[in-house]
Amino acid sequence: MTDETDIPDNSENVLKFTGRFDSSSDIREMRNFVAVPPAKSRDPRCTHAHLLVDDYLRQLTCRRCGAVVDAFDWINSVCKGETTVDFELRQLRQEITDHRLGLERLKREEVNCRGRIRTAQFKLNDIKMATECATKELTFLTDRLEQVKNLRGTR
């Protein structure tokens, strides 16, 4: 057997599979990172709250939907959530202080109202005593007037 064959060489008509068809492929290879398309989650509503950490493959996998989660994106979403919680917590604390001030005002108003009611009760009691005294005096005077009429009428 010889290495030479009688088959004509048509290599210029054949495309090489190892050749590059994309002019910017060498630039993509020089980058330090590889752009990976986002993982397709089985459940689009999954928040990836329960993760399985794989130390060997150095990746996070969602226990609910099975999607591989990017660690940076997950940490970023947790931090954004904590920032939101922190903002809401500040708002709630402000509402608590506002409600405490309102409660103190209401307590002061309650004490003032009780004082006004107490004074009104004292005034009412004084008026009742004055009307009782005036009623007694009026009954005495009417009785006395009757006595005077009776004395004049008998003469």
N, C-alpha and C. Protein backbone atom coordinates (compact mmCIF):
# COMPACT_ATOMS: atom_id res chain seq x y z
N MET A 1 0.82 -1.18 0.00
CA MET A 1 0.00 0.00 0.00
C MET A 1 0.86 1.24 0.00
N THR A 2 0.41 2.14 -0.78
CA THR A 2 1.13 3.40 -0.88
C THR A 2 0.25 4.52 -0.38
N ASP A 3 0.88 5.59 0.02
CA ASP A 3 0.15 6.76 0.52
C ASP A 3 -0.42 7.58 -0.62
N GLU A 4 0.04 7.38 -1.77
CA GLU A 4 -0.41 8.16 -2.89
C GLU A 4 -1.65 7.51 -3.49
N THR A 5 -2.60 8.37 -3.84
CA THR A 5 -3.84 7.88 -4.45
C THR A 5 -4.05 8.56 -5.77
N ASP A 6 -4.91 7.95 -6.56
CA ASP A 6 -5.19 8.53 -7.86
C ASP A 6 -6.40 9.46 -7.83
N ILE A 7 -6.92 9.77 -6.66
CA ILE A 7 -8.10 10.62 -6.52
C ILE A 7 -7.66 12.07 -6.67
N PRO A 8 -8.39 12.81 -7.53
CA PRO A 8 -7.99 14.21 -7.72
C PRO A 8 -8.25 15.03 -6.45
N ASP A 9 -7.44 16.06 -6.25
CA ASP A 9 -7.55 16.92 -5.07
C ASP A 9 -8.52 18.06 -5.35
N ASN A 10 -9.71 18.04 -4.69
CA ASN A 10 -10.71 19.11 -4.81
C ASN A 10 -10.85 19.85 -3.47
N SER A 11 -9.77 20.03 -2.79
CA SER A 11 -9.83 20.60 -1.44
C SER A 11 -10.24 22.06 -1.43
N GLU A 12 -10.06 22.78 -2.52
CA GLU A 12 -10.48 24.18 -2.52
C GLU A 12 -11.99 24.32 -2.54
N ASN A 13 -12.73 23.29 -2.90
CA ASN A 13 -14.20 23.34 -2.90
C ASN A 13 -14.81 22.92 -1.56
N VAL A 14 -14.00 22.46 -0.65
CA VAL A 14 -14.49 21.96 0.65
C VAL A 14 -14.28 23.03 1.70
N LEU A 15 -15.33 23.23 2.51
CA LEU A 15 -15.23 24.17 3.62
C LEU A 15 -14.63 23.47 4.81
N LYS A 16 -13.76 24.16 5.51
CA LYS A 16 -13.16 23.58 6.69
C LYS A 16 -14.12 23.75 7.87
N PHE A 17 -14.29 22.71 8.67
CA PHE A 17 -15.14 22.82 9.87
C PHE A 17 -14.42 23.55 10.99
N THR A 18 -13.15 23.56 10.97
CA THR A 18 -12.41 24.24 12.02
C THR A 18 -12.24 25.72 11.72
N GLY A 19 -12.57 26.15 10.55
CA GLY A 19 -12.44 27.55 10.19
C GLY A 19 -13.48 28.41 10.88
N ARG A 20 -13.16 29.68 11.01
CA ARG A 20 -14.05 30.59 11.69
C ARG A 20 -14.86 31.37 10.67
N PHE A 21 -16.19 31.34 10.90
CA PHE A 21 -17.07 32.06 9.99
C PHE A 21 -17.46 33.42 10.55
N ASP A 22 -17.28 33.57 11.84
CA ASP A 22 -17.64 34.83 12.49
C ASP A 22 -16.37 35.66 12.63
N SER A 23 -16.41 36.89 12.12
CA SER A 23 -15.21 37.71 12.12
C SER A 23 -14.82 38.17 13.53
N SER A 24 -15.80 38.22 14.45
CA SER A 24 -15.49 38.70 15.80
C SER A 24 -15.36 37.56 16.81
N SER A 25 -15.21 36.32 16.32
CA SER A 25 -15.13 35.20 17.25
C SER A 25 -13.84 35.23 18.06
N ASP A 26 -12.75 35.72 17.48
CA ASP A 26 -11.50 35.78 18.22
C ASP A 26 -11.58 36.80 19.36
N ILE A 27 -12.36 37.86 19.16
CA ILE A 27 -12.54 38.85 20.22
C ILE A 27 -13.33 38.25 21.37
N ARG A 28 -14.33 37.44 21.06
CA ARG A 28 -15.13 36.81 22.11
C ARG A 28 -14.29 35.84 22.94
N GLU A 29 -13.35 35.19 22.31
CA GLU A 29 -12.51 34.24 23.02
C GLU A 29 -11.53 34.95 23.94
N MET A 30 -11.16 36.19 23.62
CA MET A 30 -10.20 36.91 24.45
C MET A 30 -10.83 37.48 25.72
N ARG A 31 -12.13 37.53 25.78
CA ARG A 31 -12.78 38.06 26.98
C ARG A 31 -12.56 37.12 28.15
N ASN A 32 -12.63 37.65 29.35
CA ASN A 32 -12.42 36.85 30.55
C ASN A 32 -13.69 36.15 31.01
N PHE A 33 -14.78 36.42 30.42
CA PHE A 33 -16.03 35.79 30.84
C PHE A 33 -16.77 35.27 29.63
N VAL A 34 -17.67 34.39 29.90
CA VAL A 34 -18.48 33.82 28.84
C VAL A 34 -19.92 34.21 29.12
N ALA A 35 -20.57 34.83 28.18
CA ALA A 35 -21.96 35.23 28.36
C ALA A 35 -22.84 34.01 28.19
N VAL A 36 -23.48 33.63 29.30
CA VAL A 36 -24.35 32.46 29.28
C VAL A 36 -25.78 32.96 29.27
N PRO A 37 -26.62 32.42 28.43
CA PRO A 37 -28.02 32.86 28.44
C PRO A 37 -28.67 32.51 29.78
N PRO A 38 -29.65 33.29 30.22
CA PRO A 38 -30.27 33.01 31.52
C PRO A 38 -30.92 31.63 31.53
N ALA A 39 -30.86 31.01 32.70
CA ALA A 39 -31.40 29.65 32.83
C ALA A 39 -32.91 29.68 32.69
N LYS A 40 -33.41 28.72 31.98
CA LYS A 40 -34.86 28.61 31.81
C LYS A 40 -35.43 27.93 33.04
N SER A 41 -36.20 28.66 33.78
CA SER A 41 -36.80 28.09 34.99
C SER A 41 -38.01 27.27 34.61
N ARG A 42 -38.22 26.22 35.35
CA ARG A 42 -39.41 25.40 35.08
C ARG A 42 -40.67 26.11 35.55
N ASP A 43 -40.53 26.89 36.60
CA ASP A 43 -41.67 27.67 37.12
C ASP A 43 -41.31 29.15 37.01
N PRO A 44 -41.94 29.92 36.13
CA PRO A 44 -41.54 31.32 35.95
C PRO A 44 -41.86 32.19 37.17
N ARG A 45 -42.71 31.73 38.06
CA ARG A 45 -43.06 32.53 39.23
C ARG A 45 -42.19 32.20 40.43
N CYS A 46 -41.24 31.29 40.28
CA CYS A 46 -40.39 30.87 41.40
C CYS A 46 -39.45 32.01 41.79
N THR A 47 -39.36 32.28 43.07
CA THR A 47 -38.48 33.35 43.56
C THR A 47 -37.12 32.81 43.99
N HIS A 48 -36.90 31.53 43.84
CA HIS A 48 -35.65 30.87 44.20
C HIS A 48 -35.27 31.16 45.64
N ALA A 49 -36.22 30.96 46.54
CA ALA A 49 -35.98 31.22 47.95
C ALA A 49 -35.23 30.08 48.63
N HIS A 50 -35.40 28.85 48.14
CA HIS A 50 -34.75 27.68 48.73
C HIS A 50 -33.71 27.15 47.75
N LEU A 51 -32.43 27.30 48.14
CA LEU A 51 -31.35 26.94 47.22
C LEU A 51 -30.54 25.78 47.75
N LEU A 52 -30.01 25.03 46.84
CA LEU A 52 -29.07 23.96 47.14
C LEU A 52 -27.71 24.43 46.67
N VAL A 53 -26.74 24.48 47.59
CA VAL A 53 -25.41 24.95 47.26
C VAL A 53 -24.53 23.75 46.95
N ASP A 54 -24.00 23.73 45.74
CA ASP A 54 -23.11 22.66 45.33
C ASP A 54 -21.68 23.17 45.43
N ASP A 55 -20.92 22.64 46.43
CA ASP A 55 -19.54 23.11 46.64
C ASP A 55 -18.62 22.64 45.52
N TYR A 56 -18.88 21.48 44.99
CA TYR A 56 -17.99 20.93 43.96
C TYR A 56 -18.12 21.69 42.65
N LEU A 57 -19.38 21.88 42.18
CA LEU A 57 -19.59 22.60 40.92
C LEU A 57 -19.64 24.11 41.12
N ARG A 58 -19.67 24.55 42.39
CA ARG A 58 -19.71 25.98 42.73
C ARG A 58 -20.90 26.67 42.04
N GLN A 59 -22.08 26.11 42.28
CA GLN A 59 -23.28 26.70 41.70
C GLN A 59 -24.44 26.56 42.68
N LEU A 60 -25.44 27.38 42.47
CA LEU A 60 -26.66 27.36 43.27
C LEU A 60 -27.78 26.79 42.43
N THR A 61 -28.52 25.84 43.00
CA THR A 61 -29.64 25.24 42.29
C THR A 61 -30.89 25.42 43.14
N CYS A 62 -31.95 25.88 42.51
CA CYS A 62 -33.20 26.09 43.22
C CYS A 62 -33.81 24.72 43.54
N ARG A 63 -34.23 24.54 44.78
CA ARG A 63 -34.80 23.26 45.18
C ARG A 63 -36.23 23.09 44.68
N ARG A 64 -36.90 24.18 44.42
CA ARG A 64 -38.31 24.09 43.96
C ARG A 64 -38.41 23.85 42.46
N CYS A 65 -37.71 24.69 41.69
CA CYS A 65 -37.88 24.60 40.23
C CYS A 65 -36.71 23.93 39.53
N GLY A 66 -35.59 23.75 40.23
CA GLY A 66 -34.45 23.06 39.63
C GLY A 66 -33.58 23.93 38.76
N ALA A 67 -33.81 25.22 38.72
CA ALA A 67 -33.02 26.10 37.86
C ALA A 67 -31.68 26.40 38.52
N VAL A 68 -30.65 26.52 37.70
CA VAL A 68 -29.35 26.94 38.19
C VAL A 68 -29.37 28.46 38.28
N VAL A 69 -29.09 28.95 39.48
CA VAL A 69 -29.22 30.38 39.75
C VAL A 69 -27.83 30.99 39.83
N ASP A 70 -27.66 32.15 39.20
CA ASP A 70 -26.41 32.87 39.28
C ASP A 70 -26.27 33.43 40.69
N ALA A 71 -25.13 33.18 41.33
CA ALA A 71 -24.93 33.57 42.73
C ALA A 71 -25.00 35.09 42.90
N PHE A 72 -24.37 35.83 41.99
CA PHE A 72 -24.38 37.28 42.12
C PHE A 72 -25.80 37.84 41.98
N ASP A 73 -26.54 37.33 41.01
CA ASP A 73 -27.91 37.81 40.82
C ASP A 73 -28.78 37.48 42.02
N TRP A 74 -28.57 36.31 42.61
CA TRP A 74 -29.37 35.92 43.77
C TRP A 74 -29.03 36.81 44.97
N ILE A 75 -27.74 37.04 45.19
CA ILE A 75 -27.32 37.92 46.31
C ILE A 75 -27.84 39.33 46.07
N ASN A 76 -27.78 39.78 44.82
CA ASN A 76 -28.28 41.12 44.49
C ASN A 76 -29.77 41.23 44.76
N SER A 77 -30.55 40.22 44.39
CA SER A 77 -32.00 40.28 44.62
C SER A 77 -32.31 40.23 46.11
N VAL A 78 -31.55 39.45 46.87
CA VAL A 78 -31.76 39.40 48.32
C VAL A 78 -31.44 40.76 48.94
N CYS A 79 -30.34 41.38 48.49
CA CYS A 79 -29.97 42.69 49.02
C CYS A 79 -31.01 43.74 48.68
N LYS A 80 -31.55 43.70 47.46
CA LYS A 80 -32.60 44.64 47.08
C LYS A 80 -33.84 44.42 47.94
N GLY A 81 -34.15 43.15 48.21
CA GLY A 81 -35.28 42.84 49.07
C GLY A 81 -35.06 43.35 50.48
N GLU A 82 -33.82 43.20 50.99
CA GLU A 82 -33.51 43.71 52.32
C GLU A 82 -33.55 45.23 52.35
N THR A 83 -33.13 45.86 51.27
CA THR A 83 -33.22 47.32 51.19
C THR A 83 -34.68 47.76 51.25
N THR A 84 -35.53 47.02 50.52
CA THR A 84 -36.96 47.32 50.56
C THR A 84 -37.52 47.11 51.95
N VAL A 85 -37.11 46.02 52.59
CA VAL A 85 -37.57 45.74 53.95
C VAL A 85 -37.10 46.83 54.89
N ASP A 86 -35.84 47.26 54.72
CA ASP A 86 -35.30 48.32 55.56
C ASP A 86 -36.10 49.61 55.39
N PHE A 87 -36.43 49.96 54.14
CA PHE A 87 -37.21 51.16 53.87
C PHE A 87 -38.60 51.05 54.51
N GLU A 88 -39.24 49.87 54.34
CA GLU A 88 -40.56 49.67 54.93
C GLU A 88 -40.50 49.71 56.44
N LEU A 89 -39.41 49.16 57.02
CA LEU A 89 -39.24 49.17 58.46
C LEU A 89 -39.10 50.61 58.97
N ARG A 90 -38.35 51.44 58.24
CA ARG A 90 -38.25 52.85 58.63
C ARG A 90 -39.61 53.54 58.58
N GLN A 91 -40.38 53.25 57.53
CA GLN A 91 -41.72 53.84 57.43
C GLN A 91 -42.61 53.39 58.58
N LEU A 92 -42.55 52.11 58.90
CA LEU A 92 -43.37 51.59 60.00
C LEU A 92 -42.96 52.20 61.33
N ARG A 93 -41.66 52.37 61.53
CA ARG A 93 -41.21 53.01 62.78
C ARG A 93 -41.69 54.45 62.85
N GLN A 94 -41.68 55.15 61.72
CA GLN A 94 -42.18 56.53 61.71
C GLN A 94 -43.68 56.54 62.01
N GLU A 95 -44.42 55.59 61.45
CA GLU A 95 -45.85 55.51 61.75
C GLU A 95 -46.08 55.22 63.22
N ILE A 96 -45.23 54.37 63.82
CA ILE A 96 -45.37 54.07 65.25
C ILE A 96 -45.16 55.33 66.07
N THR A 97 -44.13 56.11 65.74
CA THR A 97 -43.89 57.34 66.51
C THR A 97 -45.05 58.32 66.31
N ASP A 98 -45.58 58.40 65.08
CA ASP A 98 -46.73 59.27 64.84
C ASP A 98 -47.94 58.83 65.66
N HIS A 99 -48.17 57.51 65.69
CA HIS A 99 -49.31 57.00 66.45
C HIS A 99 -49.10 57.20 67.95
N ARG A 100 -47.86 57.11 68.42
CA ARG A 100 -47.59 57.36 69.84
C ARG A 100 -47.89 58.81 70.18
N LEU A 101 -47.47 59.72 69.29
CA LEU A 101 -47.78 61.14 69.54
C LEU A 101 -49.29 61.37 69.54
N GLY A 102 -49.98 60.75 68.59
CA GLY A 102 -51.43 60.86 68.55
C GLY A 102 -52.08 60.29 69.79
N LEU A 103 -51.53 59.18 70.29
CA LEU A 103 -52.06 58.56 71.51
C LEU A 103 -51.85 59.47 72.70
N GLU A 104 -50.68 60.10 72.79
CA GLU A 104 -50.43 61.04 73.88
C GLU A 104 -51.40 62.21 73.82
N ARG A 105 -51.65 62.72 72.61
CA ARG A 105 -52.62 63.81 72.47
C ARG A 105 -54.01 63.37 72.90
N LEU A 106 -54.39 62.16 72.50
CA LEU A 106 -55.70 61.64 72.89
C LEU A 106 -55.80 61.46 74.41
N LYS A 107 -54.72 61.00 75.03
CA LYS A 107 -54.73 60.86 76.49
C LYS A 107 -54.88 62.22 77.16
N ARG A 108 -54.16 63.22 76.65
CA ARG A 108 -54.31 64.58 77.20
C ARG A 108 -55.73 65.08 77.02
N GLU A 109 -56.29 64.84 75.84
CA GLU A 109 -57.66 65.28 75.57
C GLU A 109 -58.65 64.55 76.49
N GLU A 110 -58.38 63.26 76.75
CA GLU A 110 -59.25 62.50 77.65
C GLU A 110 -59.21 63.09 79.06
N VAL A 111 -57.99 63.41 79.54
CA VAL A 111 -57.86 64.01 80.88
C VAL A 111 -58.59 65.35 80.91
N ASN A 112 -58.44 66.16 79.85
CA ASN A 112 -59.12 67.45 79.79
C ASN A 112 -60.64 67.26 79.77
N CYS A 113 -61.12 66.29 79.00
CA CYS A 113 -62.56 66.04 78.95
C CYS A 113 -63.09 65.59 80.30
N ARG A 114 -62.34 64.72 80.96
CA ARG A 114 -62.76 64.28 82.30
C ARG A 114 -62.83 65.46 83.26
N GLY A 115 -61.85 66.36 83.16
CA GLY A 115 -61.87 67.56 84.01
C GLY A 115 -63.08 68.43 83.69
N ARG A 116 -63.37 68.61 82.39
CA ARG A 116 -64.55 69.40 82.01
C ARG A 116 -65.84 68.76 82.50
N ILE A 117 -65.91 67.43 82.39
CA ILE A 117 -67.10 66.72 82.87
C ILE A 117 -67.24 66.89 84.37
N ARG A 118 -66.13 66.77 85.09
CA ARG A 118 -66.16 66.94 86.55
C ARG A 118 -66.64 68.34 86.93
N THR A 119 -66.10 69.36 86.25
CA THR A 119 -66.54 70.74 86.55
C THR A 119 -68.00 70.92 86.19
N ALA A 120 -68.42 70.34 85.07
CA ALA A 120 -69.83 70.45 84.68
C ALA A 120 -70.72 69.75 85.71
N GLN A 121 -70.25 68.62 86.26
CA GLN A 121 -71.03 67.94 87.29
C GLN A 121 -71.13 68.79 88.55
N PHE A 122 -70.02 69.43 88.92
CA PHE A 122 -70.06 70.31 90.10
C PHE A 122 -71.01 71.48 89.87
N LYS A 123 -70.93 72.08 88.66
CA LYS A 123 -71.85 73.19 88.35
C LYS A 123 -73.29 72.71 88.35
N LEU A 124 -73.54 71.53 87.79
CA LEU A 124 -74.88 70.98 87.78
C LEU A 124 -75.38 70.75 89.20
N ASN A 125 -74.49 70.22 90.05
CA ASN A 125 -74.86 70.01 91.44
C ASN A 125 -75.17 71.33 92.13
N ASP A 126 -74.34 72.36 91.86
CA ASP A 126 -74.60 73.68 92.44
C ASP A 126 -75.94 74.22 91.96
N ILE A 127 -76.24 74.04 90.67
CA ILE A 127 -77.52 74.52 90.12
C ILE A 127 -78.67 73.76 90.75
N LYS A 128 -78.52 72.44 90.95
CA LYS A 128 -79.57 71.65 91.60
C LYS A 128 -79.81 72.14 93.02
N MET A 129 -78.71 72.39 93.74
CA MET A 129 -78.85 72.89 95.12
C MET A 129 -79.52 74.25 95.12
N ALA A 130 -79.15 75.11 94.16
CA ALA A 130 -79.75 76.44 94.09
C ALA A 130 -81.24 76.34 93.75
N THR A 131 -81.62 75.43 92.82
CA THR A 131 -83.03 75.27 92.49
C THR A 131 -83.81 74.68 93.66
N GLU A 132 -83.19 73.74 94.39
CA GLU A 132 -83.86 73.20 95.57
C GLU A 132 -84.10 74.28 96.61
N CYS A 133 -83.08 75.09 96.81
CA CYS A 133 -83.21 76.19 97.79
C CYS A 133 -84.27 77.18 97.32
N ALA A 134 -84.24 77.50 96.00
CA ALA A 134 -85.24 78.44 95.47
C ALA A 134 -86.63 77.82 95.54
N THR A 135 -86.74 76.50 95.31
CA THR A 135 -88.04 75.83 95.40
C THR A 135 -88.56 75.87 96.83
N LYS A 136 -87.67 75.62 97.80
CA LYS A 136 -88.08 75.69 99.21
C LYS A 136 -88.55 77.10 99.56
N GLU A 137 -87.77 78.08 99.11
CA GLU A 137 -88.13 79.47 99.40
C GLU A 137 -89.46 79.84 98.74
N LEU A 138 -89.64 79.35 97.49
CA LEU A 138 -90.89 79.62 96.78
C LEU A 138 -92.08 78.96 97.47
N THR A 139 -91.89 77.71 97.91
CA THR A 139 -92.98 77.04 98.62
C THR A 139 -93.27 77.76 99.95
N PHE A 140 -92.22 78.20 100.61
CA PHE A 140 -92.44 78.94 101.86
C PHE A 140 -93.21 80.23 101.59
N LEU A 141 -92.81 80.93 100.52
CA LEU A 141 -93.49 82.20 100.21
C LEU A 141 -94.93 81.96 99.77
N THR A 142 -95.17 80.92 98.99
CA THR A 142 -96.55 80.64 98.59
C THR A 142 -97.39 80.25 99.78
N ASP A 143 -96.81 79.45 100.68
CA ASP A 143 -97.55 79.12 101.90
C ASP A 143 -97.82 80.37 102.73
N ARG A 144 -96.87 81.22 102.83
CA ARG A 144 -97.03 82.46 103.60
C ARG A 144 -98.07 83.36 102.94
N LEU A 145 -98.06 83.39 101.61
CA LEU A 145 -99.04 84.20 100.88
C LEU A 145 -100.45 83.66 101.12
N GLU A 146 -100.55 82.36 101.13
CA GLU A 146 -101.85 81.73 101.42
C GLU A 146 -102.31 82.10 102.83
N GLN A 147 -101.37 82.09 103.74
CA GLN A 147 -101.72 82.45 105.12
C GLN A 147 -102.19 83.91 105.21
N VAL A 148 -101.49 84.78 104.46
CA VAL A 148 -101.87 86.20 104.47
C VAL A 148 -103.25 86.35 103.83
N LYS A 149 -103.51 85.66 102.75
CA LYS A 149 -104.81 85.74 102.09
C LYS A 149 -105.91 85.24 103.04
N ASN A 150 -105.59 84.17 103.73
CA ASN A 150 -106.56 83.62 104.66
C ASN A 150 -106.85 84.61 105.79
N LEU A 151 -105.83 85.28 106.28
CA LEU A 151 -106.03 86.25 107.35
C LEU A 151 -106.82 87.46 106.85
N ARG A 152 -106.62 87.93 105.67
CA ARG A 152 -107.34 89.06 105.14
C ARG A 152 -108.77 88.68 104.79
N GLY A 153 -108.89 87.43 104.33
CA GLY A 153 -110.22 87.01 103.93
C GLY A 153 -111.13 86.76 105.15
N THR A 154 -110.59 86.50 106.24
CA THR A 154 -111.39 86.26 107.42
C THR A 154 -111.84 87.52 108.08
N ARG A 155 -111.32 88.62 107.86
CA ARG A 155 -111.71 89.85 108.48
C ARG A 155 -112.87 90.42 107.84
